[in-house]
PDB file of N, CA and C in Angstrom:
ATOM      1  N   UNK A   1     156.965  95.442  72.391  1.00  0.00           N
ATOM      2  CA  UNK A   1     155.439  95.516  72.785  1.00  0.00           C
ATOM      3  C   UNK A   1     155.393  93.844  73.384  1.00  0.00           C
ATOM      4  N   UNK A   2     154.285  94.333  74.310  1.00  0.00           N
ATOM      5  CA  UNK A   2     153.825  92.900  75.087  1.00  0.00           C
ATOM      6  C   UNK A   2     153.210  91.927  73.944  1.00  0.00           C
ATOM      7  N   UNK A   3     152.597  90.973  74.727  1.00  0.00           N
ATOM      8  CA  UNK A   3     151.926  89.787  73.786  1.00  0.00           C
ATOM      9  C   UNK A   3     150.468  90.494  73.446  1.00  0.00           C
ATOM     10  N   UNK A   4     150.219  89.902  72.165  1.00  0.00           N
ATOM     11  CA  UNK A   4     148.838  90.694  71.694  1.00  0.00           C
ATOM     12  C   UNK A   4     147.714  89.975  72.270  1.00  0.00           C
ATOM     13  N   UNK A   5     146.930  90.986  72.715  1.00  0.00           N
ATOM     14  CA  UNK A   5     145.466  90.652  73.562  1.00  0.00           C
ATOM     15  C   UNK A   5     144.620  90.184  72.653  1.00  0.00           C
ATOM     16  N   UNK A   6     143.981  88.959  72.455  1.00  0.00           N
ATOM     17  CA  UNK A   6     142.788  88.872  71.566  1.00  0.00           C
ATOM     18  C   UNK A   6     141.510  89.321  71.807  1.00  0.00           C
ATOM     19  N   UNK A   7     141.171  90.343  70.790  1.00  0.00           N
ATOM     20  CA  UNK A   7     139.978  91.204  71.126  1.00  0.00           C
ATOM     21  C   UNK A   7     138.533  90.230  71.168  1.00  0.00           C
ATOM     22  N   UNK A   8     137.513  90.873  71.671  1.00  0.00           N
ATOM     23  CA  UNK A   8     136.271  90.072  71.968  1.00  0.00           C
ATOM     24  C   UNK A   8     135.682  90.323  70.527  1.00  0.00           C
ATOM     25  N   UNK A   9     134.471  89.285  70.183  1.00  0.00           N
ATOM     26  CA  UNK A   9     133.822  89.309  69.107  1.00  0.00           C
ATOM     27  C   UNK A   9     132.551  90.512  69.377  1.00  0.00           C
ATOM     28  N   UNK A  10     132.061  90.591  68.391  1.00  0.00           N
ATOM     29  CA  UNK A  10     130.936  91.557  68.156  1.00  0.00           C
ATOM     30  C   UNK A  10     129.691  91.005  69.363  1.00  0.00           C
ATOM     31  N   UNK A  11     129.377  89.849  69.032  1.00  0.00           N
ATOM     32  CA  UNK A  11     128.426  89.171  69.990  1.00  0.00           C
ATOM     33  C   UNK A  11     128.827  89.436  71.511  1.00  0.00           C
ATOM     34  N   UNK A  12     130.274  89.235  71.833  1.00  0.00           N
ATOM     35  CA  UNK A  12     130.548  89.219  73.400  1.00  0.00           C
ATOM     36  C   UNK A  12     130.493  90.537  73.817  1.00  0.00           C
ATOM     37  N   UNK A  13     130.805  91.455  72.983  1.00  0.00           N
ATOM     38  CA  UNK A  13     130.649  93.077  73.231  1.00  0.00           C
ATOM     39  C   UNK A  13     129.232  93.310  73.724  1.00  0.00           C
ATOM     40  N   UNK A  14     128.567  93.017  72.564  1.00  0.00           N
ATOM     41  CA  UNK A  14     126.988  93.114  72.646  1.00  0.00           C
ATOM     42  C   UNK A  14     126.315  92.653  74.041  1.00  0.00           C
ATOM     43  N   UNK A  15     126.733  91.348  74.204  1.00  0.00           N
ATOM     44  CA  UNK A  15     126.056  90.546  75.631  1.00  0.00           C
ATOM     45  C   UNK A  15     126.792  91.438  76.879  1.00  0.00           C
ATOM     46  N   UNK A  16     128.114  91.867  76.856  1.00  0.00           N
ATOM     47  CA  UNK A  16     128.738  92.690  78.119  1.00  0.00           C
ATOM     48  C   UNK A  16     127.872  93.921  78.204  1.00  0.00           C
ATOM     49  N   UNK A  17     127.412  94.689  77.064  1.00  0.00           N
ATOM     50  CA  UNK A  17     126.722  95.873  77.056  1.00  0.00           C
ATOM     51  C   UNK A  17     125.462  95.646  77.672  1.00  0.00           C
ATOM     52  N   UNK A  18     124.631  94.664  77.528  1.00  0.00           N
ATOM     53  CA  UNK A  18     123.372  94.312  77.893  1.00  0.00           C
ATOM     54  C   UNK A  18     123.477  94.004  79.493  1.00  0.00           C
ATOM     55  N   UNK A  19     124.287  93.219  79.946  1.00  0.00           N
ATOM     56  CA  UNK A  19     124.530  92.761  81.082  1.00  0.00           C
ATOM     57  C   UNK A  19     124.901  93.960  81.974  1.00  0.00           C
ATOM     58  N   UNK A  20     125.849  94.909  81.424  1.00  0.00           N
ATOM     59  CA  UNK A  20     126.133  96.254  82.152  1.00  0.00           C
ATOM     60  C   UNK A  20     124.711  97.054  82.522  1.00  0.00           C
ATOM     61  N   UNK A  21     123.918  97.102  81.475  1.00  0.00           N
ATOM     62  CA  UNK A  21     123.076  97.925  81.550  1.00  0.00           C
ATOM     63  C   UNK A  21     121.921  97.482  82.589  1.00  0.00           C
ATOM     64  N   UNK A  22     121.988  96.075  82.597  1.00  0.00           N
ATOM     65  CA  UNK A  22     120.973  95.446  83.629  1.00  0.00           C
ATOM     66  C   UNK A  22     121.122  95.816  85.155  1.00  0.00           C
ATOM     67  N   UNK A  23     122.561  96.153  85.422  1.00  0.00           N
ATOM     68  CA  UNK A  23     123.032  96.107  86.842  1.00  0.00           C
ATOM     69  C   UNK A  23     122.414  97.528  87.330  1.00  0.00           C
ATOM     70  N   UNK A  24     122.199  97.615  88.712  1.00  0.00           N
ATOM     71  CA  UNK A  24     121.528  98.742  89.397  1.00  0.00           C
ATOM     72  C   UNK A  24     122.691  99.780  89.180  1.00  0.00           C
ATOM     73  N   UNK A  25     122.162 101.196  89.106  1.00  0.00           N
ATOM     74  CA  UNK A  25     122.983 102.405  89.332  1.00  0.00           C
ATOM     75  C   UNK A  25     123.559 102.108  91.120  1.00  0.00           C
ATOM     76  N   UNK A  26     124.616 102.989  91.356  1.00  0.00           N
ATOM     77  CA  UNK A  26     125.195 102.895  92.534  1.00  0.00           C
ATOM     78  C   UNK A  26     124.656 104.087  93.333  1.00  0.00           C
ATOM     79  N   UNK A  27     123.890 104.070  94.516  1.00  0.00           N
ATOM     80  CA  UNK A  27     123.193 105.082  95.062  1.00  0.00           C
ATOM     81  C   UNK A  27     124.274 105.499  95.854  1.00  0.00           C
ATOM     82  N   UNK A  28     124.857 106.916  95.896  1.00  0.00           N
ATOM     83  CA  UNK A  28     126.080 107.557  96.647  1.00  0.00           C
ATOM     84  C   UNK A  28     125.440 107.560  98.000  1.00  0.00           C
ATOM     85  N   UNK A  29     124.325 108.003  98.394  1.00  0.00           N
ATOM     86  CA  UNK A  29     124.019 108.207  99.894  1.00  0.00           C
ATOM     87  C   UNK A  29     122.944 107.316 100.097  1.00  0.00           C
ATOM     88  N   UNK A  30     122.774 106.491 101.184  1.00  0.00           N
ATOM     89  CA  UNK A  30     121.500 105.683 101.536  1.00  0.00           C
ATOM     90  C   UNK A  30     120.372 106.785 102.178  1.00  0.00           C
ATOM     91  N   UNK A  31     120.732 107.921 102.328  1.00  0.00           N
ATOM     92  CA  UNK A  31     119.701 108.908 103.091  1.00  0.00           C
ATOM     93  C   UNK A  31     119.383 108.392 104.635  1.00  0.00           C
ATOM     94  N   UNK A  32     119.605 109.750 105.441  1.00  0.00           N
ATOM     95  CA  UNK A  32     119.414 109.377 106.789  1.00  0.00           C
ATOM     96  C   UNK A  32     117.936 109.047 107.106  1.00  0.00           C
ATOM     97  N   UNK A  33     117.498 108.054 107.683  1.00  0.00           N
ATOM     98  CA  UNK A  33     116.173 107.699 107.967  1.00  0.00           C
ATOM     99  C   UNK A  33     115.972 108.142 109.542  1.00  0.00           C
ATOM    100  N   UNK A  34     114.732 109.006 109.740  1.00  0.00           N
ATOM    101  CA  UNK A  34     114.326 109.169 111.041  1.00  0.00           C
ATOM    102  C   UNK A  34     113.447 108.296 111.728  1.00  0.00           C
ATOM    103  N   UNK A  35     113.974 107.995 112.930  1.00  0.00           N
ATOM    104  CA  UNK A  35     113.270 107.019 113.716  1.00  0.00           C
ATOM    105  C   UNK A  35     111.835 107.237 113.685  1.00  0.00           C
ATOM    106  N   UNK A  36     110.619 106.134 113.477  1.00  0.00           N
ATOM    107  CA  UNK A  36     109.357 106.517 113.375  1.00  0.00           C
ATOM    108  C   UNK A  36     108.990 106.326 114.738  1.00  0.00           C
ATOM    109  N   UNK A  37     108.316 107.236 115.543  1.00  0.00           N
ATOM    110  CA  UNK A  37     107.657 107.036 116.765  1.00  0.00           C
ATOM    111  C   UNK A  37     106.367 106.542 116.510  1.00  0.00           C
ATOM    112  N   UNK A  38     106.193 105.633 117.115  1.00  0.00           N
ATOM    113  CA  UNK A  38     104.535 105.490 117.472  1.00  0.00           C
ATOM    114  C   UNK A  38     103.941 106.087 118.510  1.00  0.00           C
ATOM    115  N   UNK A  39     103.428 107.267 117.908  1.00  0.00           N
ATOM    116  CA  UNK A  39     103.035 108.210 119.255  1.00  0.00           C
ATOM    117  C   UNK A  39     101.299 108.012 119.485  1.00  0.00           C
ATOM    118  N   UNK A  40     100.571 108.042 120.457  1.00  0.00           N
ATOM    119  CA  UNK A  40      99.387 107.570 120.805  1.00  0.00           C
ATOM    120  C   UNK A  40      98.552 108.806 120.442  1.00  0.00           C
ATOM    121  N   UNK A  41      97.547 108.480 119.863  1.00  0.00           N
ATOM    122  CA  UNK A  41      96.444 109.678 119.052  1.00  0.00           C
ATOM    123  C   UNK A  41      95.463 109.703 120.248  1.00  0.00           C
ATOM    124  N   UNK A  42      95.267 109.278 121.151  1.00  0.00           N
ATOM    125  CA  UNK A  42      94.148 109.231 122.419  1.00  0.00           C
ATOM    126  C   UNK A  42      95.072 108.903 123.511  1.00  0.00           C
ATOM    127  N   UNK A  43      94.616 109.545 124.498  1.00  0.00           N
ATOM    128  CA  UNK A  43      94.852 109.395 125.792  1.00  0.00           C
ATOM    129  C   UNK A  43      94.263 107.897 126.578  1.00  0.00           C
ATOM    130  N   UNK A  44      95.156 107.237 126.954  1.00  0.00           N
ATOM    131  CA  UNK A  44      94.535 106.190 127.941  1.00  0.00           C
ATOM    132  C   UNK A  44      94.894 106.212 129.167  1.00  0.00           C
ATOM    133  N   UNK A  45      94.219 105.579 130.107  1.00  0.00           N
ATOM    134  CA  UNK A  45      94.018 106.181 131.538  1.00  0.00           C
ATOM    135  C   UNK A  45      95.223 106.127 132.332  1.00  0.00           C
ATOM    136  N   UNK A  46      96.353 105.277 131.834  1.00  0.00           N
ATOM    137  CA  UNK A  46      97.637 105.701 132.589  1.00  0.00           C
ATOM    138  C   UNK A  46      98.514 106.856 132.066  1.00  0.00           C
ATOM    139  N   UNK A  47      98.473 107.227 130.407  1.00  0.00           N
ATOM    140  CA  UNK A  47      98.955 108.404 129.932  1.00  0.00           C
ATOM    141  C   UNK A  47      98.229 109.500 130.599  1.00  0.00           C
ATOM    142  N   UNK A  48      96.695 109.442 130.795  1.00  0.00           N
ATOM    143  CA  UNK A  48      96.146 110.569 131.340  1.00  0.00           C
ATOM    144  C   UNK A  48      96.489 111.109 132.874  1.00  0.00           C
ATOM    145  N   UNK A  49      96.555 109.973 133.493  1.00  0.00           N
ATOM    146  CA  UNK A  49      97.131 110.226 134.810  1.00  0.00           C
ATOM    147  C   UNK A  49      98.417 110.704 134.814  1.00  0.00           C
ATOM    148  N   UNK A  50      99.474 110.006 134.144  1.00  0.00           N
ATOM    149  CA  UNK A  50     100.869 110.783 134.026  1.00  0.00           C
ATOM    150  C   UNK A  50     100.668 112.039 133.555  1.00  0.00           C
ATOM    151  N   UNK A  51      99.867 112.555 132.560  1.00  0.00           N
ATOM    152  CA  UNK A  51      99.701 114.009 132.161  1.00  0.00           C
ATOM    153  C   UNK A  51      99.298 114.710 133.300  1.00  0.00           C
ATOM    154  N   UNK A  52      98.341 114.379 134.161  1.00  0.00           N
ATOM    155  CA  UNK A  52      97.649 115.263 135.227  1.00  0.00           C
ATOM    156  C   UNK A  52      98.651 115.432 135.963  1.00  0.00           C
ATOM    157  N   UNK A  53      99.425 114.349 136.465  1.00  0.00           N
ATOM    158  CA  UNK A  53     100.482 114.525 137.574  1.00  0.00           C
ATOM    159  C   UNK A  53     101.569 115.223 137.403  1.00  0.00           C
ATOM    160  N   UNK A  54     102.445 114.772 136.238  1.00  0.00           N
ATOM    161  CA  UNK A  54     103.585 115.617 135.717  1.00  0.00           C
ATOM    162  C   UNK A  54     103.730 117.132 135.018  1.00  0.00           C
ATOM    163  N   UNK A  55     102.579 117.336 134.163  1.00  0.00           N
ATOM    164  CA  UNK A  55     102.806 118.576 133.490  1.00  0.00           C
ATOM    165  C   UNK A  55     102.435 119.678 134.379  1.00  0.00           C
ATOM    166  N   UNK A  56     101.446 119.813 135.357  1.00  0.00           N
ATOM    167  CA  UNK A  56     101.168 121.159 136.015  1.00  0.00           C
ATOM    168  C   UNK A  56     102.409 121.296 137.045  1.00  0.00           C
ATOM    169  N   UNK A  57     103.602 120.522 137.013  1.00  0.00           N
ATOM    170  CA  UNK A  57     104.813 120.891 137.976  1.00  0.00           C
ATOM    171  C   UNK A  57     105.806 121.024 136.979  1.00  0.00           C
ATOM    172  N   UNK A  58     105.793 120.807 135.761  1.00  0.00           N
ATOM    173  CA  UNK A  58     106.806 121.297 134.703  1.00  0.00           C
ATOM    174  C   UNK A  58     106.998 122.662 134.605  1.00  0.00           C
ATOM    175  N   UNK A  59     108.267 123.344 134.540  1.00  0.00           N
ATOM    176  CA  UNK A  59     108.371 124.496 134.615  1.00  0.00           C
ATOM    177  C   UNK A  59     108.342 125.298 133.104  1.00  0.00           C
ATOM    178  N   UNK A  60     108.548 124.478 132.344  1.00  0.00           N
ATOM    179  CA  UNK A  60     108.267 124.916 130.775  1.00  0.00           C
ATOM    180  C   UNK A  60     107.625 123.867 129.987  1.00  0.00           C
ATOM    181  N   UNK A  61     106.117 124.175 129.581  1.00  0.00           N
ATOM    182  CA  UNK A  61     105.670 123.255 128.664  1.00  0.00           C
ATOM    183  C   UNK A  61     105.324 123.469 127.660  1.00  0.00           C
ATOM    184  N   UNK A  62     105.686 122.904 126.292  1.00  0.00           N
ATOM    185  CA  UNK A  62     105.246 123.196 125.171  1.00  0.00           C
ATOM    186  C   UNK A  62     104.853 121.669 124.743  1.00  0.00           C
ATOM    187  N   UNK A  63     104.068 121.836 123.570  1.00  0.00           N
ATOM    188  CA  UNK A  63     103.381 120.611 122.765  1.00  0.00           C
ATOM    189  C   UNK A  63     104.516 119.665 122.435  1.00  0.00           C
ATOM    190  N   UNK A  64     105.518 120.315 121.929  1.00  0.00           N
ATOM    191  CA  UNK A  64     106.832 119.368 121.463  1.00  0.00           C
ATOM    192  C   UNK A  64     107.409 118.482 122.645  1.00  0.00           C
ATOM    193  N   UNK A  65     107.475 119.062 123.484  1.00  0.00           N
ATOM    194  CA  UNK A  65     107.830 118.695 124.892  1.00  0.00           C
ATOM    195  C   UNK A  65     107.338 117.634 125.395  1.00  0.00           C
ATOM    196  N   UNK A  66     105.926 117.684 125.446  1.00  0.00           N
ATOM    197  CA  UNK A  66     104.928 116.810 125.930  1.00  0.00           C
ATOM    198  C   UNK A  66     104.952 115.344 125.084  1.00  0.00           C
ATOM    199  N   UNK A  67     105.003 115.826 123.646  1.00  0.00           N
ATOM    200  CA  UNK A  67     104.995 114.759 122.666  1.00  0.00           C
ATOM    201  C   UNK A  67     106.351 113.754 122.712  1.00  0.00           C
ATOM    202  N   UNK A  68     107.223 114.251 123.130  1.00  0.00           N
ATOM    203  CA  UNK A  68     108.487 113.507 123.497  1.00  0.00           C
ATOM    204  C   UNK A  68     108.356 112.730 124.745  1.00  0.00           C
ATOM    205  N   UNK A  69     107.766 113.503 125.698  1.00  0.00           N
ATOM    206  CA  UNK A  69     107.961 113.022 127.131  1.00  0.00           C
ATOM    207  C   UNK A  69     107.058 111.837 127.506  1.00  0.00           C
ATOM    208  N   UNK A  70     105.611 112.159 126.989  1.00  0.00           N
ATOM    209  CA  UNK A  70     104.910 111.078 127.103  1.00  0.00           C
ATOM    210  C   UNK A  70     104.299 110.265 125.926  1.00  0.00           C
ATOM    211  N   UNK A  71     105.093 110.458 124.939  1.00  0.00           N
ATOM    212  CA  UNK A  71     104.914 109.582 123.446  1.00  0.00           C
ATOM    213  C   UNK A  71     103.475 109.659 123.157  1.00  0.00           C
ATOM    214  N   UNK A  72     102.908 110.998 122.922  1.00  0.00           N
ATOM    215  CA  UNK A  72     101.717 111.158 122.265  1.00  0.00           C
ATOM    216  C   UNK A  72     101.941 112.429 121.274  1.00  0.00           C
ATOM    217  N   UNK A  73     100.886 112.405 120.354  1.00  0.00           N
ATOM    218  CA  UNK A  73     100.741 113.196 119.047  1.00  0.00           C
ATOM    219  C   UNK A  73     101.000 114.552 119.545  1.00  0.00           C
ATOM    220  N   UNK A  74     101.421 115.179 118.703  1.00  0.00           N
ATOM    221  CA  UNK A  74     101.411 116.695 118.809  1.00  0.00           C
ATOM    222  C   UNK A  74     100.119 117.423 118.932  1.00  0.00           C
ATOM    223  N   UNK A  75      99.281 116.825 118.034  1.00  0.00           N
ATOM    224  CA  UNK A  75      97.872 117.680 117.968  1.00  0.00           C
ATOM    225  C   UNK A  75      97.200 117.318 119.291  1.00  0.00           C
ATOM    226  N   UNK A  76      97.397 116.102 119.826  1.00  0.00           N
ATOM    227  CA  UNK A  76      96.852 115.639 121.321  1.00  0.00           C
ATOM    228  C   UNK A  76      97.496 116.663 122.378  1.00  0.00           C
ATOM    229  N   UNK A  77      98.770 116.786 122.384  1.00  0.00           N
ATOM    230  CA  UNK A  77      99.459 117.621 123.233  1.00  0.00           C
ATOM    231  C   UNK A  77      98.790 119.047 123.484  1.00  0.00           C
ATOM    232  N   UNK A  78      98.650 119.642 122.138  1.00  0.00           N
ATOM    233  CA  UNK A  78      98.145 121.152 122.008  1.00  0.00           C
ATOM    234  C   UNK A  78      96.853 121.109 122.785  1.00  0.00           C
ATOM    235  N   UNK A  79      96.003 120.249 122.305  1.00  0.00           N
ATOM    236  CA  UNK A  79      94.581 120.055 122.996  1.00  0.00           C
ATOM    237  C   UNK A  79      94.613 119.797 124.446  1.00  0.00           C
ATOM    238  N   UNK A  80      95.609 119.017 124.973  1.00  0.00           N
ATOM    239  CA  UNK A  80      95.642 118.862 126.313  1.00  0.00           C
ATOM    240  C   UNK A  80      96.250 120.223 126.882  1.00  0.00           C
ATOM    241  N   UNK A  81      97.383 120.785 126.536  1.00  0.00           N
ATOM    242  CA  UNK A  81      97.672 122.274 127.053  1.00  0.00           C
ATOM    243  C   UNK A  81      96.532 123.346 127.337  1.00  0.00           C
ATOM    244  N   UNK A  82      95.565 123.176 126.151  1.00  0.00           N
ATOM    245  CA  UNK A  82      94.658 123.944 125.955  1.00  0.00           C
ATOM    246  C   UNK A  82      93.805 123.823 127.213  1.00  0.00           C
ATOM    247  N   UNK A  83      93.437 122.571 127.399  1.00  0.00           N
ATOM    248  CA  UNK A  83      92.779 122.048 128.632  1.00  0.00           C
ATOM    249  C   UNK A  83      93.086 122.419 129.956  1.00  0.00           C
ATOM    250  N   UNK A  84      94.506 122.357 130.021  1.00  0.00           N
ATOM    251  CA  UNK A  84      94.961 122.783 131.317  1.00  0.00           C
ATOM    252  C   UNK A  84      94.986 124.205 131.706  1.00  0.00           C
ATOM    253  N   UNK A  85      95.391 124.942 130.546  1.00  0.00           N
ATOM    254  CA  UNK A  85      95.165 126.271 130.676  1.00  0.00           C
ATOM    255  C   UNK A  85      93.814 126.908 130.897  1.00  0.00           C
ATOM    256  N   UNK A  86      92.871 126.153 130.353  1.00  0.00           N
ATOM    257  CA  UNK A  86      91.596 126.370 130.911  1.00  0.00           C
ATOM    258  C   UNK A  86      91.028 126.169 132.006  1.00  0.00           C
ATOM    259  N   UNK A  87      91.649 125.114 132.761  1.00  0.00           N
ATOM    260  CA  UNK A  87      91.450 124.755 134.090  1.00  0.00           C
ATOM    261  C   UNK A  87      92.122 125.692 135.024  1.00  0.00           C
ATOM    262  N   UNK A  88      93.317 126.062 134.406  1.00  0.00           N
ATOM    263  CA  UNK A  88      94.054 127.134 135.347  1.00  0.00           C
ATOM    264  C   UNK A  88      95.110 126.713 135.896  1.00  0.00           C
ATOM    265  N   UNK A  89      95.480 125.418 135.617  1.00  0.00           N
ATOM    266  CA  UNK A  89      96.854 124.702 136.029  1.00  0.00           C
ATOM    267  C   UNK A  89      98.047 125.126 135.390  1.00  0.00           C
ATOM    268  N   UNK A  90      97.842 125.556 134.055  1.00  0.00           N
ATOM    269  CA  UNK A  90      98.811 126.339 133.200  1.00  0.00           C
ATOM    270  C   UNK A  90      98.713 127.744 132.975  1.00  0.00           C
ATOM    271  N   UNK A  91      99.750 128.333 133.015  1.00  0.00           N
ATOM    272  CA  UNK A  91      99.602 130.034 132.631  1.00  0.00           C
ATOM    273  C   UNK A  91     100.352 130.069 130.977  1.00  0.00           C
ATOM    274  N   UNK A  92      99.891 130.509 130.111  1.00  0.00           N
ATOM    275  CA  UNK A  92     100.492 130.700 128.797  1.00  0.00           C
ATOM    276  C   UNK A  92     101.380 131.836 128.894  1.00  0.00           C
ATOM    277  N   UNK A  93     102.565 131.500 128.306  1.00  0.00           N
ATOM    278  CA  UNK A  93     104.027 132.524 128.332  1.00  0.00           C
ATOM    279  C   UNK A  93     103.763 133.100 126.729  1.00  0.00           C
ATOM    280  N   UNK A  94     103.859 132.223 125.842  1.00  0.00           N
ATOM    281  CA  UNK A  94     103.616 132.793 124.651  1.00  0.00           C
ATOM    282  C   UNK A  94     102.679 131.923 123.758  1.00  0.00           C
ATOM    283  N   UNK A  95     101.706 132.587 123.040  1.00  0.00           N
ATOM    284  CA  UNK A  95     100.685 131.661 122.260  1.00  0.00           C
ATOM    285  C   UNK A  95     100.736 132.140 120.733  1.00  0.00           C
ATOM    286  N   UNK A  96     101.158 131.428 120.071  1.00  0.00           N
ATOM    287  CA  UNK A  96     101.479 131.629 118.673  1.00  0.00           C
ATOM    288  C   UNK A  96     100.948 130.670 117.929  1.00  0.00           C
ATOM    289  N   UNK A  97     100.718 130.698 116.453  1.00  0.00           N
ATOM    290  CA  UNK A  97      99.869 129.955 115.942  1.00  0.00           C
ATOM    291  C   UNK A  97     100.725 128.486 115.493  1.00  0.00           C
ATOM    292  N   UNK A  98     102.095 128.983 115.530  1.00  0.00           N
ATOM    293  CA  UNK A  98     103.047 127.657 115.483  1.00  0.00           C
ATOM    294  C   UNK A  98     103.483 127.302 116.572  1.00  0.00           C
ATOM    295  N   UNK A  99     103.618 127.937 117.955  1.00  0.00           N
ATOM    296  CA  UNK A  99     104.412 127.195 119.104  1.00  0.00           C
ATOM    297  C   UNK A  99     103.817 128.131 120.328  1.00  0.00           C
ATOM    298  N   UNK A 100     103.285 127.064 121.156  1.00  0.00           N
ATOM    299  CA  UNK A 100     102.534 127.427 122.412  1.00  0.00           C
ATOM    300  C   UNK A 100     103.591 127.071 123.351  1.00  0.00           C
ATOM    301  N   UNK A 101     104.112 127.968 124.529  1.00  0.00           N
ATOM    302  CA  UNK A 101     104.764 128.118 125.255  1.00  0.00           C
ATOM    303  C   UNK A 101     104.029 128.204 126.732  1.00  0.00           C
ATOM    304  N   UNK A 102     103.799 127.348 127.687  1.00  0.00           N
ATOM    305  CA  UNK A 102     103.126 127.506 128.888  1.00  0.00           C
ATOM    306  C   UNK A 102     104.003 127.491 130.074  1.00  0.00           C
ATOM    307  N   UNK A 103     103.658 127.978 131.326  1.00  0.00           N
ATOM    308  CA  UNK A 103     104.648 127.497 132.397  1.00  0.00           C
ATOM    309  C   UNK A 103     103.380 127.116 133.767  1.00  0.00           C
ATOM    310  N   UNK A 104     103.999 126.673 134.719  1.00  0.00           N
ATOM    311  CA  UNK A 104     103.111 126.312 135.743  1.00  0.00           C
ATOM    312  C   UNK A 104     102.639 127.426 136.431  1.00  0.00           C
ATOM    313  N   UNK A 105     101.194 127.398 136.728  1.00  0.00           N
ATOM    314  CA  UNK A 105     100.722 128.512 137.549  1.00  0.00           C
ATOM    315  C   UNK A 105     100.889 128.375 138.889  1.00  0.00           C
ATOM    316  N   UNK A 106     101.623 129.580 139.385  1.00  0.00           N
ATOM    317  CA  UNK A 106     102.228 129.764 140.768  1.00  0.00           C
ATOM    318  C   UNK A 106     100.715 130.236 141.491  1.00  0.00           C
TER     319      UNK A 106
END
């Protein structure tokens, strides 16, 4: 047999157990964090002008598409789509409680 290993005393074992308990648990995944987008809640003059010039020419208009394109809030995009539809610039294709799809008015 190999050389005899000296065992730790009870105090040393207790100290090691307490030190181990204080260590943080290992997290297996850090979780995928989605980038937080600072979307505008109200139109400013520049965004409103862009909205009025670009959107009536778009082939398929959805609130989520406007949100991504103009960096505005989805509720603001929904209201803006309704405004253009009432004005006659957009024609509704599908209006559902969850998703609205518009197209340019020919």
